């Protein structure tokens, strides 16, 4: 991953439900991606000399973003459910 030469703006975004996560996966075409791939691809955008980096986090209760990600991907047949880490 490359970053802007002059400025990086960081932020965070809460994900509060599996349905919301499914919607983000659909929006970014992230079915079959690992959570790390999603963070790198969907969480980074460039505009001019600035990189905007968003860290996604779980705000939906006792589970973790990692466990909900795996469950949602598994329901769809993603790579993580098949033990394929890429």
Protein backbone atom coordinates (compact mmCIF):
# COMPACT_ATOMS: atom_id res chain seq x y z
CA UNK A 1 0.00 0.00 0.00
CA UNK A 2 1.36 3.44 -0.83
CA UNK A 3 0.44 6.59 1.00
CA UNK A 4 0.30 10.23 -0.03
CA UNK A 5 3.62 12.04 0.09
CA UNK A 6 2.33 14.99 2.08
CA UNK A 7 -0.57 14.16 4.34
CA UNK A 8 -2.47 11.24 5.86
CA UNK A 9 -5.86 11.83 7.48
CA UNK A 10 -7.08 9.02 9.72
CA UNK A 11 -10.56 8.26 10.95
CA UNK A 12 -12.65 5.40 12.22
CA UNK A 13 -16.04 3.94 11.44
CA UNK A 14 -18.17 1.82 13.72
CA UNK A 15 -20.01 -1.18 12.30
CA UNK A 16 -22.92 -2.11 14.55
CA UNK A 17 -24.60 -5.08 12.85
CA UNK A 18 -23.93 -8.00 10.55
CA UNK A 19 -26.41 -6.45 8.10
CA UNK A 20 -24.41 -3.22 8.01
CA UNK A 21 -21.23 -5.21 7.41
CA UNK A 22 -22.93 -7.17 4.60
CA UNK A 23 -23.90 -3.86 3.00
CA UNK A 24 -20.31 -2.59 3.14
CA UNK A 25 -19.04 -5.86 1.68
CA UNK A 26 -21.58 -5.54 -1.16
CA UNK A 27 -20.73 -1.87 -1.73
CA UNK A 28 -17.02 -2.61 -2.10
CA UNK A 29 -17.37 -5.97 -3.84
CA UNK A 30 -15.45 -7.51 -0.95
CA UNK A 31 -16.93 -11.01 -0.99
CA UNK A 32 -14.08 -13.46 -0.53
CA UNK A 33 -11.66 -10.81 0.75
CA UNK A 34 -9.96 -11.18 4.09
CA UNK A 35 -10.70 -8.51 6.69
CA UNK A 36 -7.15 -7.19 6.19
CA UNK A 37 -7.79 -6.83 2.45
CA UNK A 38 -11.02 -4.98 3.20
CA UNK A 39 -9.26 -2.60 5.61
CA UNK A 40 -6.54 -1.92 2.99
CA UNK A 41 -8.81 -1.54 -0.03
CA UNK A 42 -12.05 -0.06 1.32
CA UNK A 43 -10.43 1.85 4.16
CA UNK A 44 -7.96 3.86 2.07
CA UNK A 45 -8.67 6.46 -0.58
CA UNK A 46 -6.45 9.06 -2.21
CA UNK A 47 -7.32 12.60 -3.14
CA UNK A 48 -4.56 14.80 -4.47
CA UNK A 49 -1.60 14.61 -2.10
CA UNK A 50 -3.72 13.27 0.78
CA UNK A 51 -4.48 9.70 1.83
CA UNK A 52 -7.67 9.22 3.84
CA UNK A 53 -7.42 6.09 6.00
CA UNK A 54 -10.48 4.71 7.79
CA UNK A 55 -10.15 2.03 10.46
CA UNK A 56 -13.32 -0.03 10.78
CA UNK A 57 -14.26 -1.39 14.20
CA UNK A 58 -17.05 -3.49 15.70
CA UNK A 59 -19.64 -1.71 17.85
CA UNK A 60 -22.33 -4.38 17.79
CA UNK A 61 -21.88 -6.14 21.11
CA UNK A 62 -19.74 -8.92 22.49
CA UNK A 63 -18.39 -10.27 19.20
CA UNK A 64 -15.35 -8.93 17.38
CA UNK A 65 -15.23 -7.51 13.87
CA UNK A 66 -13.05 -10.47 12.92
CA UNK A 67 -15.59 -13.05 14.10
CA UNK A 68 -18.54 -11.28 12.45
CA UNK A 69 -16.53 -10.84 9.24
CA UNK A 70 -15.78 -14.58 9.16
CA UNK A 71 -19.42 -15.48 9.86
CA UNK A 72 -20.79 -13.15 7.16
CA UNK A 73 -18.21 -14.34 4.61
CA UNK A 74 -18.89 -17.98 5.51
CA UNK A 75 -22.62 -17.49 4.95
CA UNK A 76 -21.75 -16.30 1.44
CA UNK A 77 -19.01 -18.88 0.82
CA UNK A 78 -15.99 -16.54 1.06
CA UNK A 79 -12.38 -17.69 1.11
CA UNK A 80 -11.92 -17.28 4.88
CA UNK A 81 -14.61 -19.88 5.49
CA UNK A 82 -12.62 -22.35 3.39
CA UNK A 83 -9.37 -21.74 5.22
CA UNK A 84 -7.80 -19.86 2.31
CA UNK A 85 -5.95 -16.83 3.60
CA UNK A 86 -4.72 -14.53 0.87
